[in-house]
Amino acid sequence: MRWQDGDRGGNIEDRRGLGPIAAGGVGVGGIVLAAIGYFVFGIDPATTLNAVKDQAGQEQSQEGFHGTPKDLDAQFVDVIEQSTTAVWSQEFKARGRIYQRPAAVVLYDQSTGTGCGLGQSAMGPFYCPSDEKVYLDLAFWQELSGRFGAGGEAARAYVIAHEIGHHVQKLTGQTQRAERLGARGATSGSVRLELQADCYAGVWAAHASEVSGGKVSLDARDIEDGLRAASAVGDDTLQQETQGRVAPDSFTHGTSQQRMRWFQAGAQGGDPADCDTFKAARL
């Protein structure tokens, strides 16, 4: 994957090395976990938001460094976030709208405070709609490669673009649309939301080279890496691995086949209109 010469946007908040601090008299252990958009083990946004609203306090963190980090792994995140901003700015403009990028991509170690409660690395990357930030512990790259067998920069870029897709969904009202359809099940609002974010990641992949003048680009092999990552984190694959059985009634993200199919739909057509999982008769 080509990205080293890509533009840096500086929309990174680096909290690595900083831990969460409790606010409102509520300790770290007393906060209900309420991060939205888990990449691997997700739960419905309405459920978690309602839970965190019931708490007496909220987690905060020390302010991190804002800008372009110096280490290569963080620079990669910076370039991909800037690339998604360029792609979605173009797509929104074509529809007469202005794209507002996320407030930041927050890099952290182990745990951090968010607008949705305490974020932990065990949750995987996630998007919090309350503060409009994406949260990422870079240790997830090792898990993505080692546990899920989805190594390579393109797989990592897919993860970032998927979480940015959740931000697009908030801006376009799709997050609220999902809340009305229920939390779990093979055709739930959560599954439709996650599959749409996969499709939006594909839309980014389709236009990345075009908007960057070739500075950020994915070839056919990179797309395969993205598909491999999508397949690795399907509900059926993960449930079979962890439980020894598949329970469709508890799906939150969709099957491996579905995640691959929707990512490919976005990557092949490059049109967000092809990503309306809420109207799809077959997921």
C-alpha atoms as a PDB file:
ATOM      1  CA  MET A   1       0.000   0.000   0.000  1.00  0.00           C
ATOM      2  CA  ARG A   2       1.274   3.466  -0.874  1.00  0.00           C
ATOM      3  CA  TRP A   3       0.913   6.111   1.816  1.00  0.00           C
ATOM      4  CA  GLN A   4       4.347   7.438   2.902  1.00  0.00           C
ATOM      5  CA  ASP A   5       4.062  10.581   0.760  1.00  0.00           C
ATOM      6  CA  GLY A   6       0.446  11.194   1.725  1.00  0.00           C
ATOM      7  CA  ASP A   7      -0.680  14.441   3.315  1.00  0.00           C
ATOM      8  CA  ARG A   8      -0.692  14.684   7.098  1.00  0.00           C
ATOM      9  CA  GLY A   9      -3.772  16.301   8.560  1.00  0.00           C
ATOM     10  CA  GLY A  10      -2.551  16.669  12.131  1.00  0.00           C
ATOM     11  CA  ASN A  11      -5.951  15.623  13.485  1.00  0.00           C
ATOM     12  CA  ILE A  12      -4.345  13.308  16.032  1.00  0.00           C
ATOM     13  CA  GLU A  13      -4.625  13.554  19.802  1.00  0.00           C
ATOM     14  CA  ASP A  14      -1.816  11.466  21.268  1.00  0.00           C
ATOM     15  CA  ARG A  15      -2.609  10.329  24.816  1.00  0.00           C
ATOM     16  CA  ARG A  16      -0.145   7.458  24.868  1.00  0.00           C
ATOM     17  CA  GLY A  17       1.478   7.304  28.260  1.00  0.00           C
ATOM     18  CA  LEU A  18      -1.392   9.207  29.899  1.00  0.00           C
ATOM     19  CA  GLY A  19      -4.023   7.445  31.980  1.00  0.00           C
ATOM     20  CA  PRO A  20      -7.677   8.357  32.645  1.00  0.00           C
ATOM     21  CA  ILE A  21      -8.635  10.490  35.620  1.00  0.00           C
ATOM     22  CA  ALA A  22     -12.026  10.277  37.291  1.00  0.00           C
ATOM     23  CA  ALA A  23     -14.424  13.215  37.322  1.00  0.00           C
ATOM     24  CA  GLY A  24     -17.509  13.940  39.383  1.00  0.00           C
ATOM     25  CA  GLY A  25     -16.397  11.717  42.253  1.00  0.00           C
ATOM     26  CA  VAL A  26     -16.751   8.512  40.240  1.00  0.00           C
ATOM     27  CA  GLY A  27     -13.713   6.235  40.059  1.00  0.00           C
ATOM     28  CA  VAL A  28     -12.504   4.355  37.029  1.00  0.00           C
ATOM     29  CA  GLY A  29     -14.098   1.136  38.252  1.00  0.00           C
ATOM     30  CA  GLY A  30     -17.453   2.835  38.752  1.00  0.00           C
ATOM     31  CA  ILE A  31     -17.972   3.909  35.161  1.00  0.00           C
ATOM     32  CA  VAL A  32     -20.246   1.904  32.914  1.00  0.00           C
ATOM     33  CA  LEU A  33     -18.383   0.988  29.759  1.00  0.00           C
ATOM     34  CA  ALA A  34     -20.163   2.841  26.980  1.00  0.00           C
ATOM     35  CA  ALA A  35     -17.929   3.208  23.948  1.00  0.00           C
ATOM     36  CA  ILE A  36     -19.745   3.175  20.651  1.00  0.00           C
ATOM     37  CA  GLY A  37     -18.820   1.333  17.466  1.00  0.00           C
ATOM     38  CA  TYR A  38     -16.662  -1.494  18.765  1.00  0.00           C
ATOM     39  CA  PHE A  39     -14.757  -2.843  15.793  1.00  0.00           C
ATOM     40  CA  VAL A  40     -14.861  -6.435  16.990  1.00  0.00           C
ATOM     41  CA  PHE A  41     -17.411  -6.933  19.764  1.00  0.00           C
ATOM     42  CA  GLY A  42     -20.044  -4.253  19.258  1.00  0.00           C
ATOM     43  CA  ILE A  43     -23.211  -3.268  21.052  1.00  0.00           C
ATOM     44  CA  ASP A  44     -26.054  -1.033  20.038  1.00  0.00           C
ATOM     45  CA  PRO A  45     -25.426   2.734  20.348  1.00  0.00           C
ATOM     46  CA  ALA A  46     -28.780   3.382  22.047  1.00  0.00           C
ATOM     47  CA  THR A  47     -28.040   0.825  24.747  1.00  0.00           C
ATOM     48  CA  THR A  48     -24.644   2.225  25.659  1.00  0.00           C
ATOM     49  CA  LEU A  49     -25.635   5.866  25.453  1.00  0.00           C
ATOM     50  CA  ASN A  50     -28.608   5.289  27.738  1.00  0.00           C
ATOM     51  CA  ALA A  51     -26.359   3.442  30.160  1.00  0.00           C
ATOM     52  CA  VAL A  52     -23.775   6.175  30.401  1.00  0.00           C
ATOM     53  CA  LYS A  53     -26.445   8.850  30.876  1.00  0.00           C
ATOM     54  CA  ASP A  54     -27.506   7.078  34.044  1.00  0.00           C
ATOM     55  CA  GLN A  55     -24.092   7.506  35.645  1.00  0.00           C
ATOM     56  CA  ALA A  56     -23.235  10.214  38.151  1.00  0.00           C
ATOM     57  CA  GLY A  57     -19.910  11.089  36.535  1.00  0.00           C
ATOM     58  CA  GLN A  58     -17.892  10.748  33.394  1.00  0.00           C
ATOM     59  CA  GLU A  59     -14.355   9.705  32.619  1.00  0.00           C
ATOM     60  CA  GLN A  60     -11.874  12.348  31.606  1.00  0.00           C
ATOM     61  CA  SER A  61      -8.269  12.117  30.499  1.00  0.00           C
ATOM     62  CA  GLN A  62      -5.307  14.397  30.522  1.00  0.00           C
ATOM     63  CA  GLU A  63      -5.092  16.414  27.341  1.00  0.00           C
ATOM     64  CA  GLY A  64      -2.808  14.725  24.854  1.00  0.00           C
ATOM     65  CA  PHE A  65      -0.507  16.122  22.186  1.00  0.00           C
ATOM     66  CA  HIS A  66      -2.393  17.525  19.195  1.00  0.00           C
ATOM     67  CA  GLY A  67      -0.858  17.444  15.746  1.00  0.00           C
ATOM     68  CA  THR A  68       1.253  15.105  13.644  1.00  0.00           C
ATOM     69  CA  PRO A  69       3.136  12.518  15.747  1.00  0.00           C
ATOM     70  CA  LYS A  70       6.759  11.672  15.025  1.00  0.00           C
ATOM     71  CA  ASP A  71       6.602   7.848  15.078  1.00  0.00           C
ATOM     72  CA  LEU A  72       5.806   5.943  11.909  1.00  0.00           C
ATOM     73  CA  ASP A  73       2.793   3.986  13.211  1.00  0.00           C
ATOM     74  CA  ALA A  74       1.040   7.150  14.342  1.00  0.00           C
ATOM     75  CA  GLN A  75       1.942   8.965  11.126  1.00  0.00           C
ATOM     76  CA  PHE A  76       0.204   6.183   9.220  1.00  0.00           C
ATOM     77  CA  VAL A  77      -2.993   6.846  11.182  1.00  0.00           C
ATOM     78  CA  ASP A  78      -2.611  10.566  10.493  1.00  0.00           C
ATOM     79  CA  VAL A  79      -2.262  10.035   6.739  1.00  0.00           C
ATOM     80  CA  ILE A  80      -5.232   7.671   6.523  1.00  0.00           C
ATOM     81  CA  GLU A  81      -7.463  10.014   8.542  1.00  0.00           C
ATOM     82  CA  GLN A  82      -6.504  12.899   6.262  1.00  0.00           C
ATOM     83  CA  SER A  83      -7.190  10.717   3.232  1.00  0.00           C
ATOM     84  CA  THR A  84     -10.667   9.835   4.514  1.00  0.00           C
ATOM     85  CA  THR A  85     -11.303  13.541   5.092  1.00  0.00           C
ATOM     86  CA  ALA A  86     -10.384  14.300   1.478  1.00  0.00           C
ATOM     87  CA  VAL A  87     -12.610  11.513   0.155  1.00  0.00           C
ATOM     88  CA  TRP A  88     -15.642  12.353   2.277  1.00  0.00           C
ATOM     89  CA  SER A  89     -15.254  16.081   1.658  1.00  0.00           C
ATOM     90  CA  GLN A  90     -15.515  15.319  -2.056  1.00  0.00           C
ATOM     91  CA  GLU A  91     -18.499  13.013  -1.598  1.00  0.00           C
ATOM     92  CA  PHE A  92     -20.381  15.473   0.623  1.00  0.00           C
ATOM     93  CA  LYS A  93     -19.643  18.377  -1.752  1.00  0.00           C
ATOM     94  CA  ALA A  94     -21.073  16.384  -4.666  1.00  0.00           C
ATOM     95  CA  ARG A  95     -24.304  16.190  -2.670  1.00  0.00           C
ATOM     96  CA  GLY A  96     -24.384  19.850  -1.703  1.00  0.00           C
ATOM     97  CA  ARG A  97     -23.144  19.351   1.845  1.00  0.00           C
ATOM     98  CA  ILE A  98     -20.018  20.183   3.851  1.00  0.00           C
ATOM     99  CA  TYR A  99     -18.139  17.378   5.568  1.00  0.00           C
ATOM    100  CA  GLN A 100     -17.080  17.989   9.152  1.00  0.00           C
ATOM    101  CA  ARG A 101     -14.132  15.760  10.019  1.00  0.00           C
ATOM    102  CA  PRO A 102     -14.045  13.966  13.400  1.00  0.00           C
ATOM    103  CA  ALA A 103     -12.880  16.027  16.358  1.00  0.00           C
ATOM    104  CA  ALA A 104      -9.759  13.844  16.510  1.00  0.00           C
ATOM    105  CA  VAL A 105      -8.348  10.360  16.281  1.00  0.00           C
ATOM    106  CA  VAL A 106      -7.177   9.617  19.811  1.00  0.00           C
ATOM    107  CA  LEU A 107      -4.203   7.293  20.294  1.00  0.00           C
ATOM    108  CA  TYR A 108      -4.001   5.819  23.777  1.00  0.00           C
ATOM    109  CA  ASP A 109      -2.572   2.952  25.823  1.00  0.00           C
ATOM    110  CA  GLN A 110      -4.827   0.440  27.606  1.00  0.00           C
ATOM    111  CA  SER A 111      -7.587   2.830  28.738  1.00  0.00           C
ATOM    112  CA  THR A 112      -8.738   6.412  28.384  1.00  0.00           C
ATOM    113  CA  GLY A 113     -11.694   8.632  29.163  1.00  0.00           C
ATOM    114  CA  THR A 114     -14.166   9.353  26.380  1.00  0.00           C
ATOM    115  CA  GLY A 115     -17.439  11.169  25.920  1.00  0.00           C
ATOM    116  CA  CYS A 116     -19.088   7.727  26.029  1.00  0.00           C
ATOM    117  CA  GLY A 117     -17.458   6.420  29.191  1.00  0.00           C
ATOM    118  CA  LEU A 118     -14.194   4.582  29.849  1.00  0.00           C
ATOM    119  CA  GLY A 119     -12.534   3.300  26.703  1.00  0.00           C
ATOM    120  CA  GLN A 120     -10.361   0.194  26.953  1.00  0.00           C
ATOM    121  CA  SER A 121      -8.020  -1.405  24.457  1.00  0.00           C
ATOM    122  CA  ALA A 122      -9.767  -4.780  24.854  1.00  0.00           C
ATOM    123  CA  MET A 123     -12.748  -3.251  23.028  1.00  0.00           C
ATOM    124  CA  GLY A 124     -10.778  -2.681  19.851  1.00  0.00           C
ATOM    125  CA  PRO A 125     -10.957   0.581  17.889  1.00  0.00           C
ATOM    126  CA  PHE A 126     -14.219   2.491  18.296  1.00  0.00           C
ATOM    127  CA  TYR A 127     -16.012   5.730  17.486  1.00  0.00           C
ATOM    128  CA  CYS A 128     -17.793   7.761  20.165  1.00  0.00           C
ATOM    129  CA  PRO A 129     -20.583   9.902  18.684  1.00  0.00           C
ATOM    130  CA  SER A 130     -20.877  12.014  21.843  1.00  0.00           C
ATOM    131  CA  ASP A 131     -17.456  13.621  21.374  1.00  0.00           C
ATOM    132  CA  GLU A 132     -17.065  12.702  17.678  1.00  0.00           C
ATOM    133  CA  LYS A 133     -13.672  11.092  18.204  1.00  0.00           C
ATOM    134  CA  VAL A 134     -12.183   7.804  17.029  1.00  0.00           C
ATOM    135  CA  TYR A 135     -10.233   5.902  19.690  1.00  0.00           C
ATOM    136  CA  LEU A 136      -7.382   3.535  18.872  1.00  0.00           C
ATOM    137  CA  ASP A 137      -4.808   1.646  20.896  1.00  0.00           C
ATOM    138  CA  LEU A 138      -2.080   0.826  18.377  1.00  0.00           C
ATOM    139  CA  ALA A 139      -1.532  -2.513  20.117  1.00  0.00           C
ATOM    140  CA  PHE A 140      -4.611  -3.621  18.169  1.00  0.00           C
ATOM    141  CA  TRP A 141      -2.443  -3.906  15.062  1.00  0.00           C
ATOM    142  CA  GLN A 142      -0.675  -6.885  16.652  1.00  0.00           C
ATOM    143  CA  GLU A 143      -4.009  -8.483  17.539  1.00  0.00           C
ATOM    144  CA  LEU A 144      -5.323  -7.884  14.038  1.00  0.00           C
ATOM    145  CA  SER A 145      -2.333  -9.675  12.590  1.00  0.00           C
ATOM    146  CA  GLY A 146      -1.698 -12.347  15.209  1.00  0.00           C
ATOM    147  CA  ARG A 147      -5.190 -13.294  16.323  1.00  0.00           C
ATOM    148  CA  PHE A 148      -7.197 -12.511  13.212  1.00  0.00           C
ATOM    149  CA  GLY A 149      -4.567 -13.247  10.561  1.00  0.00           C
ATOM    150  CA  ALA A 150      -5.159  -9.895   8.876  1.00  0.00           C
ATOM    151  CA  GLY A 151      -1.760  -8.226   8.754  1.00  0.00           C
ATOM    152  CA  GLY A 152      -0.545  -5.457   6.505  1.00  0.00           C
ATOM    153  CA  GLU A 153      -1.118  -1.753   6.171  1.00  0.00           C
ATOM    154  CA  ALA A 154      -4.225  -2.110   4.014  1.00  0.00           C
ATOM    155  CA  ALA A 155      -5.971  -4.110   6.747  1.00  0.00           C
ATOM    156  CA  ARG A 156      -5.094  -1.383   9.236  1.00  0.00           C
ATOM    157  CA  ALA A 157      -6.339   1.302   6.874  1.00  0.00           C
ATOM    158  CA  TYR A 158      -9.621  -0.588   6.513  1.00  0.00           C
ATOM    159  CA  VAL A 159     -10.071  -0.510  10.301  1.00  0.00           C
ATOM    160  CA  ILE A 160      -9.514   3.255  10.444  1.00  0.00           C
ATOM    161  CA  ALA A 161     -11.777   3.914   7.455  1.00  0.00           C
ATOM    162  CA  HIS A 162     -14.493   1.747   9.039  1.00  0.00           C
ATOM    163  CA  GLU A 163     -14.464   3.853  12.212  1.00  0.00           C
ATOM    164  CA  ILE A 164     -14.507   7.067  10.168  1.00  0.00           C
ATOM    165  CA  GLY A 165     -17.519   5.514   8.461  1.00  0.00           C
ATOM    166  CA  HIS A 166     -19.316   5.616  11.809  1.00  0.00           C
ATOM    167  CA  HIS A 167     -18.654   9.350  11.933  1.00  0.00           C
ATOM    168  CA  VAL A 168     -20.160   9.730   8.463  1.00  0.00           C
ATOM    169  CA  GLN A 169     -23.183   7.829   9.741  1.00  0.00           C
ATOM    170  CA  LYS A 170     -23.656  10.276  12.575  1.00  0.00           C
ATOM    171  CA  LEU A 171     -23.448  13.230  10.189  1.00  0.00           C
ATOM    172  CA  THR A 172     -26.011  11.683   7.841  1.00  0.00           C
ATOM    173  CA  GLY A 173     -28.424  10.441  10.504  1.00  0.00           C
ATOM    174  CA  GLN A 174     -27.785   6.732   9.986  1.00  0.00           C
ATOM    175  CA  THR A 175     -26.747   6.211  13.611  1.00  0.00           C
ATOM    176  CA  GLN A 176     -30.148   7.415  14.812  1.00  0.00           C
ATOM    177  CA  ARG A 177     -31.787   5.263  12.145  1.00  0.00           C
ATOM    178  CA  ALA A 178     -30.085   2.182  13.579  1.00  0.00           C
ATOM    179  CA  GLU A 179     -31.219   2.927  17.112  1.00  0.00           C
ATOM    180  CA  ARG A 180     -34.832   2.424  16.071  1.00  0.00           C
ATOM    181  CA  LEU A 181     -34.223  -1.094  14.737  1.00  0.00           C
ATOM    182  CA  GLY A 182     -32.927  -2.903  17.818  1.00  0.00           C
ATOM    183  CA  ALA A 183     -29.587  -3.920  19.242  1.00  0.00           C
ATOM    184  CA  ARG A 184     -28.937  -7.515  18.258  1.00  0.00           C
ATOM    185  CA  GLY A 185     -29.845 -10.117  15.691  1.00  0.00           C
ATOM    186  CA  ALA A 186     -28.936 -10.982  12.114  1.00  0.00           C
ATOM    187  CA  THR A 187     -30.915  -8.039  10.675  1.00  0.00           C
ATOM    188  CA  SER A 188     -30.703  -5.628  13.608  1.00  0.00           C
ATOM    189  CA  GLY A 189     -29.893  -1.943  13.422  1.00  0.00           C
ATOM    190  CA  SER A 190     -26.442  -2.650  14.828  1.00  0.00           C
ATOM    191  CA  VAL A 191     -25.611  -5.146  12.078  1.00  0.00           C
ATOM    192  CA  ARG A 192     -26.893  -2.817   9.366  1.00  0.00           C
ATOM    193  CA  LEU A 193     -24.878   0.056  10.841  1.00  0.00           C
ATOM    194  CA  GLU A 194     -21.662  -1.975  10.945  1.00  0.00           C
ATOM    195  CA  LEU A 195     -22.078  -3.349   7.419  1.00  0.00           C
ATOM    196  CA  GLN A 196     -22.702   0.150   6.126  1.00  0.00           C
ATOM    197  CA  ALA A 197     -19.475   1.307   7.809  1.00  0.00           C
ATOM    198  CA  ASP A 198     -17.692  -1.555   6.030  1.00  0.00           C
ATOM    199  CA  CYS A 199     -19.147  -0.331   2.748  1.00  0.00           C
ATOM    200  CA  TYR A 200     -18.057   3.230   3.523  1.00  0.00           C
ATOM    201  CA  ALA A 201     -14.531   1.907   4.127  1.00  0.00           C
ATOM    202  CA  GLY A 202     -14.726   0.479   0.621  1.00  0.00           C
ATOM    203  CA  VAL A 203     -15.850   3.851  -0.755  1.00  0.00           C
ATOM    204  CA  TRP A 204     -12.740   5.400   0.771  1.00  0.00           C
ATOM    205  CA  ALA A 205     -10.534   2.699  -0.791  1.00  0.00           C
ATOM    206  CA  ALA A 206     -12.099   3.370  -4.197  1.00  0.00           C
ATOM    207  CA  HIS A 207     -11.307   7.102  -4.145  1.00  0.00           C
ATOM    208  CA  ALA A 208      -8.124   7.332  -2.057  1.00  0.00           C
ATOM    209  CA  SER A 209      -5.745   7.470  -5.019  1.00  0.00           C
ATOM    210  CA  GLU A 210      -7.911   9.876  -6.995  1.00  0.00           C
ATOM    211  CA  VAL A 211      -8.189  12.527  -4.277  1.00  0.00           C
ATOM    212  CA  SER A 212      -4.540  12.263  -3.212  1.00  0.00           C
ATOM    213  CA  GLY A 213      -2.999  12.363  -6.661  1.00  0.00           C
ATOM    214  CA  GLY A 214      -1.710   8.829  -6.152  1.00  0.00           C
ATOM    215  CA  LYS A 215       0.008   9.579  -2.841  1.00  0.00           C
ATOM    216  CA  VAL A 216      -2.344   7.197  -1.046  1.00  0.00           C
ATOM    217  CA  SER A 217      -3.434   4.193  -3.059  1.00  0.00           C
ATOM    218  CA  LEU A 218      -4.457   0.574  -2.753  1.00  0.00           C
ATOM    219  CA  ASP A 219      -3.873  -2.046  -5.442  1.00  0.00           C
ATOM    220  CA  ALA A 220      -5.798  -5.283  -5.970  1.00  0.00           C
ATOM    221  CA  ARG A 221      -3.694  -7.098  -3.392  1.00  0.00           C
ATOM    222  CA  ASP A 222      -4.403  -4.372  -0.830  1.00  0.00           C
ATOM    223  CA  ILE A 223      -8.124  -4.750  -1.431  1.00  0.00           C
ATOM    224  CA  GLU A 224      -7.705  -8.469  -0.761  1.00  0.00           C
ATOM    225  CA  ASP A 225      -6.030  -7.613   2.547  1.00  0.00           C
ATOM    226  CA  GLY A 226      -8.996  -5.415   3.385  1.00  0.00           C
ATOM    227  CA  LEU A 227     -11.391  -8.228   2.527  1.00  0.00           C
ATOM    228  CA  ARG A 228      -9.367 -10.603   4.684  1.00  0.00           C
ATOM    229  CA  ALA A 229      -9.650  -8.208   7.615  1.00  0.00           C
ATOM    230  CA  ALA A 230     -13.404  -7.891   7.093  1.00  0.00           C
ATOM    231  CA  SER A 231     -13.769 -11.666   6.988  1.00  0.00           C
ATOM    232  CA  ALA A 232     -11.676 -12.180  10.122  1.00  0.00           C
ATOM    233  CA  VAL A 233     -13.991 -10.115  12.317  1.00  0.00           C
ATOM    234  CA  GLY A 234     -17.361 -11.487  11.222  1.00  0.00           C
ATOM    235  CA  ASP A 235     -19.729 -12.419  14.043  1.00  0.00           C
ATOM    236  CA  ASP A 236     -19.950 -16.047  12.917  1.00  0.00           C
ATOM    237  CA  THR A 237     -16.178 -16.448  12.725  1.00  0.00           C
ATOM    238  CA  LEU A 238     -15.597 -14.844  16.121  1.00  0.00           C
ATOM    239  CA  GLN A 239     -18.408 -16.763  17.819  1.00  0.00           C
ATOM    240  CA  GLN A 240     -17.168 -20.069  16.434  1.00  0.00           C
ATOM    241  CA  GLU A 241     -13.690 -19.238  17.702  1.00  0.00           C
ATOM    242  CA  THR A 242     -14.713 -18.120  21.176  1.00  0.00           C
ATOM    243  CA  GLN A 243     -17.902 -20.126  21.860  1.00  0.00           C
ATOM    244  CA  GLY A 244     -17.636 -23.102  19.540  1.00  0.00           C
ATOM    245  CA  ARG A 245     -21.033 -22.266  18.035  1.00  0.00           C
ATOM    246  CA  VAL A 246     -22.780 -19.564  16.030  1.00  0.00           C
ATOM    247  CA  ALA A 247     -25.759 -17.663  17.487  1.00  0.00           C
ATOM    248  CA  PRO A 248     -27.298 -15.330  14.845  1.00  0.00           C
ATOM    249  CA  ASP A 249     -29.694 -13.812  17.409  1.00  0.00           C
ATOM    250  CA  SER A 250     -26.702 -12.207  19.112  1.00  0.00           C
ATOM    251  CA  PHE A 251     -25.041 -10.822  15.978  1.00  0.00           C
ATOM    252  CA  THR A 252     -23.935  -7.184  16.185  1.00  0.00           C
ATOM    253  CA  HIS A 253     -21.641  -6.756  13.153  1.00  0.00           C
ATOM    254  CA  GLY A 254     -22.686  -9.294  10.511  1.00  0.00           C
ATOM    255  CA  THR A 255     -21.134 -12.484   9.197  1.00  0.00           C
ATOM    256  CA  SER A 256     -17.708 -12.696   7.583  1.00  0.00           C
ATOM    257  CA  GLN A 257     -19.308 -13.084   4.163  1.00  0.00           C
ATOM    258  CA  GLN A 258     -21.536 -10.077   4.708  1.00  0.00           C
ATOM    259  CA  ARG A 259     -18.680  -7.866   5.888  1.00  0.00           C
ATOM    260  CA  MET A 260     -16.598  -8.802   2.862  1.00  0.00           C
ATOM    261  CA  ARG A 261     -19.515  -8.293   0.479  1.00  0.00           C
ATOM    262  CA  TRP A 262     -20.354  -4.812   1.720  1.00  0.00           C
ATOM    263  CA  PHE A 263     -16.722  -3.680   1.801  1.00  0.00           C
ATOM    264  CA  GLN A 264     -16.367  -4.931  -1.769  1.00  0.00           C
ATOM    265  CA  ALA A 265     -19.582  -3.151  -2.814  1.00  0.00           C
ATOM    266  CA  GLY A 266     -18.110   0.158  -1.707  1.00  0.00           C
ATOM    267  CA  ALA A 267     -14.693  -0.544  -3.190  1.00  0.00           C
ATOM    268  CA  GLN A 268     -16.042  -1.568  -6.590  1.00  0.00           C
ATOM    269  CA  GLY A 269     -18.624   1.151  -7.101  1.00  0.00           C
ATOM    270  CA  GLY A 270     -17.206   3.943  -4.971  1.00  0.00           C
ATOM    271  CA  ASP A 271     -20.730   5.293  -4.470  1.00  0.00           C
ATOM    272  CA  PRO A 272     -22.086   5.804  -0.934  1.00  0.00           C
ATOM    273  CA  ALA A 273     -25.581   5.309  -2.352  1.00  0.00           C
ATOM    274  CA  ASP A 274     -24.677   1.636  -2.816  1.00  0.00           C
ATOM    275  CA  CYS A 275     -24.180   1.373   0.952  1.00  0.00           C
ATOM    276  CA  ASP A 276     -27.773   1.707   2.126  1.00  0.00           C
ATOM    277  CA  THR A 277     -27.907  -1.446   4.225  1.00  0.00           C
ATOM    278  CA  PHE A 278     -31.101  -0.185   5.849  1.00  0.00           C
ATOM    279  CA  LYS A 279     -33.063  -0.647   2.623  1.00  0.00           C
ATOM    280  CA  ALA A 280     -31.331  -3.859   1.575  1.00  0.00           C
ATOM    281  CA  ALA A 281     -33.626  -6.881   1.487  1.00  0.00           C
ATOM    282  CA  ARG A 282     -30.609  -9.190   1.748  1.00  0.00           C
ATOM    283  CA  LEU A 283     -27.589  -8.349   3.863  1.00  0.00           C
END
